[in-house]
């Protein structure tokens, strides 16, 4: 018998130990297992105490000793001292079992509060179908005195929306009033969020109006759900009108509201001036602007070619005492590199490090892109070599940027060096790295090697699979070498990857310039559209 088995046997045999009775006190149980045995056992054999030892003790004190909670507490404290974590793998099952045992074994009457607690556990663990089974079993049972309340319905609506059963959720909403259980603001928020995620924004807005008619007044969270849905759809005009509606209803937009609108304007390529106006409005109403808002607007200003305004906003931020973090610093470095101002970007990077902000992959990759853009590829490579001082250099982001930049300037030999270094470090290339290498090989006339790399991509994971850019690179190279039939074969194999207008232009140009006699490509386009439609 191994020592570990021996200890587990002792745990199971503890029921034979007599309990000690202190003078004037109730029974107190001996320690679950002596410290001497726990500490000396691992030293006397080539093993260490496993979780099964603790589980044996827990099982013993739970069942054999009639819920000896004092000893259970001692076991759990010992587990904590040894940095162990007790994981209950079937928490929803245990909760449901205990709920149904309450009236018979514990003589406790289940309440809607205890029911909702179990229902919430089931839903939090993602067992949405099980939640409905539990609901139906509990409320259809005979002699049940539990009636669902608004929290019960809110939990059910949450599960329905998670499953995409939005229409069924709307039906339940209608049934709530009939059951004399009027919906509250959380009910409507849950359902509006489900509608927005199904891209049914108009119905969500209508629900907001209905909610107010029924006397259920929305909160800022309610408006934020709709504003978020409208911003994701790109309908910023309606989102802005909704903000006006917030004021009319005597409610005030919060920081989350403004953040969503500002990020939507920057991400959607909208007028960045609107984002600046919103930021000013935000400050006037007493909401502090955080670093993420500043980074979004600074990025938007640089993208719009307004570098002076971006730097002005940066200086204003510093004057207001808003301490920039690595997100804002990275946004500024990226913007300066977009403008070709790599010297200024390097100064900001030095300041960033001096202030204790650690540059991330986005920071360094932006600077490397800036060096390539200004023709300083050697500085990009040197930066990559110097990165080890602040961060691990073995990131696929850095490798992808380097390989793309080197191949773009025709430095295939150094790109191959970086490629081999990446593979040696166990870093898997992504689609950008693969496509860049294929482009470099095609530009160097090594089409056969490029096709080998492409075939290797087909065997990789999703993030390394060829995309339309990869295919277009090969289409262009094959057509330039008059391998039109090979290009057509490759096109036939990629129709499930959404060809774009660049794909059509490559083949139309080839039909016009490479064939004798030239073709206008109408027949090709007709067949191409029909095949895409059939797909």
Protein backbone atom coordinates (compact mmCIF):
# COMPACT_ATOMS: atom_id res chain seq x y z
CA UNK A 1 0.00 0.00 0.00
CA UNK A 2 1.41 3.41 -0.96
CA UNK A 3 1.73 6.12 1.65
CA UNK A 4 -0.84 8.30 -0.16
CA UNK A 5 -3.38 5.46 -0.14
CA UNK A 6 -2.55 4.87 3.52
CA UNK A 7 -3.35 8.51 4.39
CA UNK A 8 -6.62 8.36 2.45
CA UNK A 9 -7.52 5.16 4.32
CA UNK A 10 -6.87 6.96 7.61
CA UNK A 11 -9.18 9.77 6.43
CA UNK A 12 -11.97 7.31 5.72
CA UNK A 13 -11.42 5.55 9.05
CA UNK A 14 -11.58 8.65 11.22
CA UNK A 15 -15.16 7.85 12.25
CA UNK A 16 -13.78 5.33 14.77
CA UNK A 17 -12.00 8.13 16.66
CA UNK A 18 -13.88 9.11 19.83
CA UNK A 19 -14.93 12.72 20.27
CA UNK A 20 -13.52 14.66 23.18
CA UNK A 21 -15.91 16.46 25.50
CA UNK A 22 -14.64 19.58 27.18
CA UNK A 23 -15.86 20.46 30.68
CA UNK A 24 -19.01 22.55 30.35
CA UNK A 25 -18.93 22.46 26.54
CA UNK A 26 -20.43 20.41 23.75
CA UNK A 27 -18.47 17.81 21.85
CA UNK A 28 -15.38 19.00 19.97
CA UNK A 29 -13.81 16.87 17.30
CA UNK A 30 -10.10 16.11 17.04
CA UNK A 31 -8.13 17.79 14.25
CA UNK A 32 -8.94 16.26 10.83
CA UNK A 33 -5.41 14.94 10.57
CA UNK A 34 -2.40 15.71 12.72
CA UNK A 35 0.09 18.31 11.52
CA UNK A 36 2.88 15.82 12.19
CA UNK A 37 1.38 13.28 9.80
CA UNK A 38 0.67 15.93 7.16
CA UNK A 39 4.15 17.43 7.33
CA UNK A 40 6.22 14.26 7.71
CA UNK A 41 4.46 12.00 5.21
CA UNK A 42 5.76 13.69 2.02
CA UNK A 43 9.30 13.61 3.44
CA UNK A 44 9.19 9.86 3.96
CA UNK A 45 8.40 8.93 0.37
CA UNK A 46 8.65 10.11 -3.23
CA UNK A 47 5.15 11.62 -3.38
CA UNK A 48 3.25 14.68 -2.26
CA UNK A 49 -0.19 15.04 -0.79
CA UNK A 50 -2.73 15.18 -3.59
CA UNK A 51 -6.21 16.65 -3.86
CA UNK A 52 -7.70 13.18 -3.30
CA UNK A 53 -6.43 13.31 0.30
CA UNK A 54 -8.36 16.50 0.97
CA UNK A 55 -11.45 15.26 -0.87
CA UNK A 56 -11.45 12.12 1.28
CA UNK A 57 -11.43 14.28 4.39
CA UNK A 58 -14.18 16.54 3.07
CA UNK A 59 -16.35 13.57 2.11
CA UNK A 60 -15.82 12.01 5.56
CA UNK A 61 -16.81 15.10 7.55
CA UNK A 62 -19.73 15.88 5.26
CA UNK A 63 -21.41 12.48 5.39
CA UNK A 64 -19.83 10.11 7.93
CA UNK A 65 -19.78 12.75 10.68
CA UNK A 66 -23.21 14.26 9.94
CA UNK A 67 -22.05 17.61 8.56
CA UNK A 68 -19.19 18.22 11.00
CA UNK A 69 -18.73 21.85 9.91
CA UNK A 70 -16.01 22.64 12.44
CA UNK A 71 -13.73 19.92 11.07
CA UNK A 72 -14.67 20.83 7.50
CA UNK A 73 -13.55 24.36 8.28
CA UNK A 74 -10.21 23.05 9.54
CA UNK A 75 -9.68 21.07 6.32
CA UNK A 76 -10.49 24.07 4.16
CA UNK A 77 -8.10 26.24 6.19
CA UNK A 78 -5.34 23.68 5.65
CA UNK A 79 -6.08 23.70 1.91
CA UNK A 80 -5.77 27.48 1.96
CA UNK A 81 -2.41 27.29 3.74
CA UNK A 82 -1.17 24.96 0.99
CA UNK A 83 -2.53 27.29 -1.73
CA UNK A 84 -5.00 24.69 -2.92
CA UNK A 85 -8.35 25.54 -4.45
CA UNK A 86 -11.49 23.52 -3.87
CA UNK A 87 -13.33 23.25 -7.18
CA UNK A 88 -16.88 21.95 -7.28
CA UNK A 89 -17.28 20.67 -10.82
CA UNK A 90 -21.07 20.29 -10.70
CA UNK A 91 -22.20 23.33 -8.73
CA UNK A 92 -25.53 23.74 -10.60
CA UNK A 93 -26.37 20.05 -10.03
CA UNK A 94 -25.57 20.32 -6.34
CA UNK A 95 -27.63 23.51 -6.03
CA UNK A 96 -30.66 21.94 -7.74
CA UNK A 97 -30.36 18.79 -5.63
CA UNK A 98 -30.18 20.78 -2.41
CA UNK A 99 -33.18 22.91 -3.42
CA UNK A 100 -35.35 19.83 -3.94
CA UNK A 101 -34.11 18.26 -0.67
CA UNK A 102 -35.05 21.33 1.38
CA UNK A 103 -38.68 20.44 2.30
CA UNK A 104 -38.16 16.71 2.93
CA UNK A 105 -34.75 16.40 4.59
CA UNK A 106 -34.23 19.83 6.11
CA UNK A 107 -37.88 20.77 6.69
CA UNK A 108 -37.28 24.16 5.09
CA UNK A 109 -39.91 25.72 2.86
CA UNK A 110 -38.36 26.82 -0.47
CA UNK A 111 -38.91 30.49 -1.26
CA UNK A 112 -38.67 32.45 -4.46
CA UNK A 113 -35.40 33.87 -3.13
CA UNK A 114 -33.82 30.41 -2.81
CA UNK A 115 -35.24 29.46 -6.21
CA UNK A 116 -33.76 32.55 -7.88
CA UNK A 117 -30.39 31.84 -6.26
CA UNK A 118 -30.29 28.37 -7.84
CA UNK A 119 -31.59 29.67 -11.18
CA UNK A 120 -28.88 32.34 -11.21
CA UNK A 121 -26.14 29.73 -10.55
CA UNK A 122 -27.38 27.61 -13.47
CA UNK A 123 -27.44 30.58 -15.86
CA UNK A 124 -24.07 31.93 -14.74
CA UNK A 125 -22.53 28.55 -15.56
CA UNK A 126 -24.02 28.75 -19.06
CA UNK A 127 -26.57 25.93 -18.70
CA UNK A 128 -29.41 27.89 -20.28
CA UNK A 129 -31.56 24.93 -21.33
CA UNK A 130 -31.12 23.43 -17.87
CA UNK A 131 -32.45 26.69 -16.40
CA UNK A 132 -35.77 26.25 -18.22
CA UNK A 133 -36.00 22.61 -17.14
CA UNK A 134 -35.46 23.66 -13.53
CA UNK A 135 -38.08 26.42 -13.83
CA UNK A 136 -40.71 24.14 -15.38
CA UNK A 137 -40.08 21.32 -12.91
CA UNK A 138 -40.25 23.62 -9.90
CA UNK A 139 -43.36 25.61 -10.79
CA UNK A 140 -45.30 22.72 -12.30
CA UNK A 141 -44.76 20.55 -9.24
CA UNK A 142 -47.68 19.75 -6.95
CA UNK A 143 -47.99 21.54 -3.62
CA UNK A 144 -45.53 24.26 -4.63
CA UNK A 145 -45.98 27.52 -2.77
CA UNK A 146 -43.36 29.44 -4.74
CA UNK A 147 -44.49 32.08 -7.24
CA UNK A 148 -42.05 33.70 -9.70
CA UNK A 149 -41.23 37.36 -9.20
CA UNK A 150 -39.70 39.97 -11.48
CA UNK A 151 -36.15 38.70 -10.78
CA UNK A 152 -37.21 35.21 -11.87
CA UNK A 153 -38.45 36.54 -15.19
CA UNK A 154 -35.37 38.74 -15.63
CA UNK A 155 -33.15 35.68 -15.27
CA UNK A 156 -35.26 33.70 -17.75
CA UNK A 157 -35.16 36.58 -20.24
CA UNK A 158 -31.38 36.70 -19.88
CA UNK A 159 -31.12 33.00 -20.71
CA UNK A 160 -33.47 33.38 -23.68
CA UNK A 161 -31.49 36.28 -25.11
CA UNK A 162 -28.25 34.32 -24.66
CA UNK A 163 -29.79 31.52 -26.74
CA UNK A 164 -31.08 33.98 -29.34
CA UNK A 165 -34.73 33.31 -28.44
CA UNK A 166 -35.62 37.00 -28.57
CA UNK A 167 -39.16 36.48 -29.91
CA UNK A 168 -39.92 34.08 -27.07
CA UNK A 169 -38.45 36.62 -24.64
CA UNK A 170 -40.88 39.26 -25.98
CA UNK A 171 -43.78 36.85 -25.36
CA UNK A 172 -42.62 36.35 -21.76
CA UNK A 173 -42.45 40.13 -21.33
CA UNK A 174 -46.11 40.35 -22.38
CA UNK A 175 -47.05 37.56 -19.97
CA UNK A 176 -45.44 39.30 -16.98
CA UNK A 177 -48.17 41.93 -16.65
CA UNK A 178 -50.86 39.25 -16.91
CA UNK A 179 -49.22 37.49 -13.96
CA UNK A 180 -49.38 40.73 -11.97
CA UNK A 181 -45.61 40.98 -12.18
CA UNK A 182 -44.88 44.23 -14.03
CA UNK A 183 -41.43 44.45 -15.69
CA UNK A 184 -38.81 46.74 -14.24
CA UNK A 185 -35.95 48.66 -15.81
CA UNK A 186 -33.68 45.58 -15.73
CA UNK A 187 -36.27 43.56 -17.64
CA UNK A 188 -36.31 46.09 -20.45
CA UNK A 189 -32.53 46.51 -20.46
CA UNK A 190 -32.06 42.76 -20.86
CA UNK A 191 -34.54 42.52 -23.71
CA UNK A 192 -33.26 45.66 -25.47
CA UNK A 193 -29.72 44.29 -25.31
CA UNK A 194 -30.95 41.03 -26.86
CA UNK A 195 -32.74 42.93 -29.65
CA UNK A 196 -29.67 45.08 -30.37
CA UNK A 197 -27.43 42.02 -30.61
CA UNK A 198 -29.88 40.57 -33.15
CA UNK A 199 -29.61 43.85 -35.11
CA UNK A 200 -33.24 44.69 -34.32
CA UNK A 201 -32.51 48.26 -33.22
CA UNK A 202 -35.89 49.72 -34.25
CA UNK A 203 -37.73 47.22 -32.05
CA UNK A 204 -35.41 48.08 -29.16
CA UNK A 205 -36.20 51.79 -29.57
CA UNK A 206 -39.92 51.00 -29.72
CA UNK A 207 -39.56 49.01 -26.51
CA UNK A 208 -38.00 52.07 -24.87
CA UNK A 209 -41.01 54.17 -25.86
CA UNK A 210 -43.43 51.49 -24.65
CA UNK A 211 -41.51 51.20 -21.40
CA UNK A 212 -41.93 54.92 -20.70
CA UNK A 213 -45.64 54.81 -21.59
CA UNK A 214 -46.14 52.02 -19.04
CA UNK A 215 -44.54 54.19 -16.37
CA UNK A 216 -41.24 52.33 -16.22
CA UNK A 217 -38.72 55.15 -16.50
CA UNK A 218 -35.34 54.28 -18.05
CA UNK A 219 -32.00 54.73 -16.35
CA UNK A 220 -28.70 55.81 -17.95
CA UNK A 221 -27.87 52.10 -18.29
CA UNK A 222 -31.00 51.64 -20.41
CA UNK A 223 -30.00 54.43 -22.75
CA UNK A 224 -26.44 53.13 -22.91
CA UNK A 225 -27.68 49.76 -24.18
CA UNK A 226 -29.46 51.48 -27.08
CA UNK A 227 -26.67 53.95 -27.75
CA UNK A 228 -24.18 51.08 -27.90
CA UNK A 229 -26.40 49.23 -30.39
CA UNK A 230 -26.85 52.32 -32.58
CA UNK A 231 -23.12 53.10 -32.52
CA UNK A 232 -22.22 49.55 -33.57
CA UNK A 233 -24.68 49.89 -36.44
CA UNK A 234 -23.08 53.22 -37.40
CA UNK A 235 -26.25 55.24 -36.81
CA UNK A 236 -24.59 58.02 -34.86
CA UNK A 237 -27.27 60.59 -35.71
CA UNK A 238 -29.95 58.61 -33.88
CA UNK A 239 -27.50 57.91 -31.05
CA UNK A 240 -26.93 61.65 -30.59
CA UNK A 241 -30.71 62.30 -30.62
CA UNK A 242 -31.09 59.66 -27.97
CA UNK A 243 -28.69 61.63 -25.78
CA UNK A 244 -30.98 64.66 -26.16
CA UNK A 245 -33.87 62.41 -25.15
CA UNK A 246 -32.01 61.51 -21.97
CA UNK A 247 -32.05 65.15 -20.87
CA UNK A 248 -35.73 65.56 -21.79
CA UNK A 249 -36.59 62.63 -19.54
CA UNK A 250 -34.86 64.26 -16.61
CA UNK A 251 -32.02 61.75 -16.80
CA UNK A 252 -28.35 62.55 -17.34
CA UNK A 253 -25.87 60.69 -19.55
CA UNK A 254 -22.97 59.23 -17.63
CA UNK A 255 -19.34 58.68 -18.48
CA UNK A 256 -20.10 55.40 -20.25
CA UNK A 257 -22.56 57.18 -22.57
CA UNK A 258 -19.98 59.73 -23.68
CA UNK A 259 -17.23 57.13 -24.03
CA UNK A 260 -19.37 55.02 -26.37
CA UNK A 261 -20.23 58.01 -28.57
CA UNK A 262 -16.65 59.28 -28.72
CA UNK A 263 -15.20 55.86 -29.59
CA UNK A 264 -17.91 55.33 -32.21
CA UNK A 265 -16.97 58.55 -33.96
CA UNK A 266 -13.29 57.67 -33.97
CA UNK A 267 -13.73 54.00 -34.92
CA UNK A 268 -16.34 54.74 -37.55
CA UNK A 269 -14.19 57.33 -39.29
CA UNK A 270 -16.76 60.04 -38.53
CA UNK A 271 -16.03 63.71 -37.99
CA UNK A 272 -13.60 63.80 -35.13
CA UNK A 273 -14.77 67.35 -34.38
CA UNK A 274 -17.99 65.82 -33.06
CA UNK A 275 -15.95 63.69 -30.68
CA UNK A 276 -14.12 66.78 -29.43
CA UNK A 277 -17.45 68.57 -28.91
CA UNK A 278 -18.75 65.60 -26.96
CA UNK A 279 -15.62 65.58 -24.82
CA UNK A 280 -16.09 69.27 -24.00
CA UNK A 281 -19.73 68.62 -23.13
CA UNK A 282 -18.63 65.75 -20.95
CA UNK A 283 -16.21 67.98 -19.03
CA UNK A 284 -18.78 70.77 -18.66
CA UNK A 285 -21.15 68.34 -16.98
CA UNK A 286 -18.51 67.36 -14.46
CA UNK A 287 -17.38 64.04 -15.91
CA UNK A 288 -13.64 63.50 -15.90
CA UNK A 289 -12.28 62.46 -19.28
CA UNK A 290 -10.16 59.35 -18.96
CA UNK A 291 -7.09 58.25 -20.88
CA UNK A 292 -9.06 56.02 -23.26
CA UNK A 293 -11.17 58.96 -24.46
CA UNK A 294 -8.05 61.03 -25.06
CA UNK A 295 -6.37 58.19 -26.94
CA UNK A 296 -9.43 57.70 -29.18
CA UNK A 297 -9.63 61.40 -30.10
CA UNK A 298 -5.87 61.78 -30.57
CA UNK A 299 -5.88 58.76 -32.89
CA UNK A 300 -8.85 60.21 -34.81
CA UNK A 301 -7.17 63.60 -35.21
CA UNK A 302 -3.99 62.04 -36.59
CA UNK A 303 -5.99 59.84 -38.96
CA UNK A 304 -7.78 62.95 -40.18
CA UNK A 305 -4.46 64.65 -40.89
CA UNK A 306 -4.81 67.10 -38.01
CA UNK A 307 -1.57 66.47 -36.19
CA UNK A 308 -1.40 70.01 -34.78
CA UNK A 309 -4.82 69.62 -33.15
CA UNK A 310 -3.75 66.24 -31.80
CA UNK A 311 -0.63 67.73 -30.19
CA UNK A 312 -2.70 70.61 -28.83
CA UNK A 313 -5.07 68.15 -27.19
CA UNK A 314 -2.10 66.25 -25.78
CA UNK A 315 -0.73 69.42 -24.18
CA UNK A 316 -4.17 70.31 -22.78
CA UNK A 317 -4.42 66.86 -21.28
CA UNK A 318 -1.07 67.29 -19.55
CA UNK A 319 -2.02 70.76 -18.28
CA UNK A 320 -5.22 69.36 -16.74
CA UNK A 321 -3.15 66.90 -14.76
CA UNK A 322 -4.41 63.81 -16.58
CA UNK A 323 -1.52 61.38 -16.33
CA UNK A 324 -1.10 59.54 -19.66
CA UNK A 325 -0.85 55.76 -19.58
CA UNK A 326 0.63 53.44 -22.19
CA UNK A 327 -2.61 53.60 -24.23
CA UNK A 328 -2.36 57.38 -24.72
CA UNK A 329 1.40 57.29 -25.26
CA UNK A 330 0.97 54.56 -27.87
CA UNK A 331 -1.75 56.56 -29.64
CA UNK A 332 0.57 59.58 -29.81
CA UNK A 333 3.53 57.52 -31.06
CA UNK A 334 1.35 55.88 -33.71
CA UNK A 335 0.02 59.25 -34.85
CA UNK A 336 3.49 60.81 -35.10
CA UNK A 337 4.71 57.80 -37.10
CA UNK A 338 1.75 58.16 -39.48
CA UNK A 339 2.96 61.71 -40.10
CA UNK A 340 6.50 60.45 -40.69
CA UNK A 341 7.77 62.19 -37.54
CA UNK A 342 9.75 59.25 -36.19
CA UNK A 343 12.28 61.43 -34.36
CA UNK A 344 9.52 62.99 -32.28
CA UNK A 345 7.98 59.55 -31.78
CA UNK A 346 11.30 58.27 -30.40
CA UNK A 347 11.39 61.17 -27.93
CA UNK A 348 7.88 60.30 -26.75
CA UNK A 349 8.94 56.66 -26.35
CA UNK A 350 11.89 57.70 -24.17
CA UNK A 351 9.60 59.91 -22.06
CA UNK A 352 7.11 57.05 -21.79
CA UNK A 353 9.75 54.69 -20.42
CA UNK A 354 11.13 57.34 -18.05
CA UNK A 355 7.62 57.87 -16.62
CA UNK A 356 7.34 54.15 -15.83
CA UNK A 357 4.91 53.25 -18.63
CA UNK A 358 5.85 49.96 -20.27
CA UNK A 359 5.59 50.03 -24.08
CA UNK A 360 3.47 47.24 -25.53
CA UNK A 361 3.35 45.45 -28.87
CA UNK A 362 1.24 48.24 -30.40
CA UNK A 363 3.78 50.88 -29.32
CA UNK A 364 6.81 49.16 -30.81
CA UNK A 365 5.05 47.99 -33.96
CA UNK A 366 3.84 51.55 -34.65
CA UNK A 367 7.39 52.83 -34.36
CA UNK A 368 8.72 50.07 -36.61
CA UNK A 369 6.07 50.89 -39.22
CA UNK A 370 7.11 54.53 -38.99
CA UNK A 371 10.76 53.65 -39.64
CA UNK A 372 9.81 51.59 -42.70
CA UNK A 373 7.59 54.40 -43.95
CA UNK A 374 10.46 56.88 -43.79
CA UNK A 375 12.93 54.45 -45.40
CA UNK A 376 14.85 53.65 -42.20
CA UNK A 377 14.50 49.87 -42.33
CA UNK A 378 17.81 49.41 -40.50
CA UNK A 379 16.41 51.37 -37.53
CA UNK A 380 13.33 49.15 -37.51
CA UNK A 381 15.50 46.05 -37.33
CA UNK A 382 17.72 47.62 -34.66
CA UNK A 383 14.65 48.55 -32.59
CA UNK A 384 13.51 44.94 -32.78
CA UNK A 385 16.92 43.80 -31.51
CA UNK A 386 16.90 46.36 -28.68
CA UNK A 387 13.40 45.51 -27.47
CA UNK A 388 14.61 42.81 -25.08
CA UNK A 389 15.43 45.56 -22.56
CA UNK A 390 11.74 46.30 -22.02
CA UNK A 391 9.70 43.36 -23.30
CA UNK A 392 9.97 39.90 -24.79
CA UNK A 393 10.71 40.27 -28.50
CA UNK A 394 9.21 36.95 -29.50
CA UNK A 395 5.80 38.33 -30.48
CA UNK A 396 4.14 37.50 -33.79
CA UNK A 397 3.08 41.15 -34.07
CA UNK A 398 6.69 42.33 -34.26
CA UNK A 399 7.67 39.56 -36.63
CA UNK A 400 4.74 40.32 -38.95
CA UNK A 401 5.57 44.05 -39.06
CA UNK A 402 9.24 43.35 -39.69
CA UNK A 403 8.67 40.77 -42.41
CA UNK A 404 6.07 42.94 -44.14
CA UNK A 405 8.31 46.00 -44.04
CA UNK A 406 11.44 44.19 -45.25
CA UNK A 407 9.59 42.44 -48.08
CA UNK A 408 7.97 45.72 -49.13
CA UNK A 409 11.37 47.37 -49.62
CA UNK A 410 12.71 44.29 -51.43
CA UNK A 411 15.03 43.10 -48.65
CA UNK A 412 14.03 39.44 -49.00
CA UNK A 413 17.23 37.99 -47.52
CA UNK A 414 16.81 39.84 -44.21
CA UNK A 415 13.10 38.99 -44.19
CA UNK A 416 14.05 35.32 -44.52
CA UNK A 417 16.42 35.74 -41.58
CA UNK A 418 13.59 37.14 -39.43
CA UNK A 419 11.27 34.35 -40.66
CA UNK A 420 13.73 31.65 -39.58
CA UNK A 421 14.29 33.40 -36.25
CA UNK A 422 10.53 33.42 -35.66
CA UNK A 423 10.23 29.69 -36.37
CA UNK A 424 13.25 28.89 -34.20
CA UNK A 425 11.58 30.65 -31.26
CA UNK A 426 8.43 28.57 -31.70
CA UNK A 427 6.34 31.56 -32.79
CA UNK A 428 3.75 30.61 -35.40
CA UNK A 429 3.39 33.05 -38.31
CA UNK A 430 -0.02 34.65 -38.80
CA UNK A 431 -1.74 35.42 -42.12
CA UNK A 432 0.03 38.80 -42.38
CA UNK A 433 3.50 37.26 -42.03
CA UNK A 434 2.71 34.47 -44.50
CA UNK A 435 1.21 36.87 -47.04
CA UNK A 436 4.15 39.25 -46.72
CA UNK A 437 6.66 36.45 -47.33
CA UNK A 438 4.64 35.20 -50.30
CA UNK A 439 4.60 38.76 -51.70
CA UNK A 440 8.36 39.04 -51.23
CA UNK A 441 9.01 35.70 -52.95
CA UNK A 442 6.71 36.62 -55.85
CA UNK A 443 8.45 39.98 -56.29
CA UNK A 444 11.79 38.16 -56.35
CA UNK A 445 10.52 35.79 -59.06
CA UNK A 446 10.42 32.76 -56.73
CA UNK A 447 6.82 31.84 -57.54
CA UNK A 448 7.35 28.13 -56.89
CA UNK A 449 8.60 28.84 -53.36
CA UNK A 450 5.67 31.19 -52.81
CA UNK A 451 3.21 28.44 -53.79
CA UNK A 452 4.91 26.03 -51.39
CA UNK A 453 4.45 28.54 -48.57
CA UNK A 454 0.82 29.00 -49.62
CA UNK A 455 0.19 25.23 -49.44
CA UNK A 456 1.75 25.28 -45.97
CA UNK A 457 -0.75 27.98 -44.95
CA UNK A 458 -3.66 25.75 -45.92
CA UNK A 459 -2.61 23.30 -43.20
CA UNK A 460 -2.42 25.92 -40.45
CA UNK A 461 -4.89 27.11 -37.81
CA UNK A 462 -7.57 29.70 -38.53
CA UNK A 463 -5.47 32.80 -37.85
CA UNK A 464 -2.83 31.59 -40.31
CA UNK A 465 -5.20 30.58 -43.11
CA UNK A 466 -4.89 32.48 -46.41
CA UNK A 467 -7.27 35.40 -46.86
CA UNK A 468 -8.33 37.32 -49.96
CA UNK A 469 -5.10 39.38 -49.84
CA UNK A 470 -3.00 36.20 -49.99
CA UNK A 471 -4.97 34.91 -52.96
CA UNK A 472 -4.77 38.24 -54.80
CA UNK A 473 -0.98 38.27 -54.41
CA UNK A 474 -0.78 34.85 -56.06
CA UNK A 475 -3.38 35.69 -58.73
CA UNK A 476 -1.35 38.73 -59.73
CA UNK A 477 1.96 36.80 -59.80
CA UNK A 478 0.52 33.88 -61.80
CA UNK A 479 -1.17 36.15 -64.33
CA UNK A 480 2.01 38.22 -64.76
CA UNK A 481 3.83 34.98 -65.64
CA UNK A 482 1.03 34.04 -68.11
CA UNK A 483 -0.07 31.11 -65.91
CA UNK A 484 -3.70 32.12 -66.34
CA UNK A 485 -5.08 28.58 -66.19
CA UNK A 486 -3.29 28.00 -62.86
CA UNK A 487 -4.73 31.29 -61.59
CA UNK A 488 -8.25 30.19 -62.64
CA UNK A 489 -7.79 26.86 -60.82
CA UNK A 490 -6.73 28.76 -57.70
CA UNK A 491 -9.74 31.08 -58.07
CA UNK A 492 -12.07 28.06 -58.18
CA UNK A 493 -10.66 26.88 -54.85
CA UNK A 494 -11.10 30.21 -53.07
CA UNK A 495 -14.72 31.09 -53.88
CA UNK A 496 -15.70 30.36 -50.27
CA UNK A 497 -13.34 33.11 -49.04
CA UNK A 498 -15.15 36.12 -50.54
CA UNK A 499 -13.22 37.47 -53.56
CA UNK A 500 -13.18 41.27 -53.65
CA UNK A 501 -13.03 43.94 -56.34
CA UNK A 502 -9.24 43.62 -56.51
CA UNK A 503 -9.68 39.95 -57.47
CA UNK A 504 -11.99 40.91 -60.36
CA UNK A 505 -9.66 43.69 -61.54
CA UNK A 506 -6.66 41.31 -61.67
CA UNK A 507 -8.49 38.89 -63.97
CA UNK A 508 -10.13 41.61 -66.08
CA UNK A 509 -6.73 43.24 -66.69
CA UNK A 510 -5.25 39.84 -67.56
CA UNK A 511 -8.04 39.09 -70.05
CA UNK A 512 -7.51 42.48 -71.63
CA UNK A 513 -3.71 42.55 -71.72
CA UNK A 514 -2.46 38.95 -71.73
CA UNK A 515 -4.85 37.18 -74.12
CA UNK A 516 -4.73 37.25 -77.89
CA UNK A 517 -7.21 38.42 -79.01
CA UNK A 518 -8.04 40.55 -75.95
CA UNK A 519 -11.35 39.98 -74.12
CA UNK A 520 -13.54 42.53 -72.36
CA UNK A 521 -14.26 40.09 -69.52
CA UNK A 522 -18.08 40.20 -69.65
CA UNK A 523 -18.39 36.44 -69.99
CA UNK A 524 -15.94 35.96 -67.12
CA UNK A 525 -17.86 38.34 -64.87
CA UNK A 526 -21.23 36.73 -65.68
CA UNK A 527 -19.93 33.25 -64.82
CA UNK A 528 -18.15 34.61 -61.73
CA UNK A 529 -21.33 36.20 -60.36
CA UNK A 530 -23.41 33.07 -61.05
CA UNK A 531 -20.90 30.86 -59.19
CA UNK A 532 -20.84 33.20 -56.22
CA UNK A 533 -24.64 33.23 -56.15
CA UNK A 534 -24.82 29.42 -56.25
CA UNK A 535 -22.33 29.23 -53.39
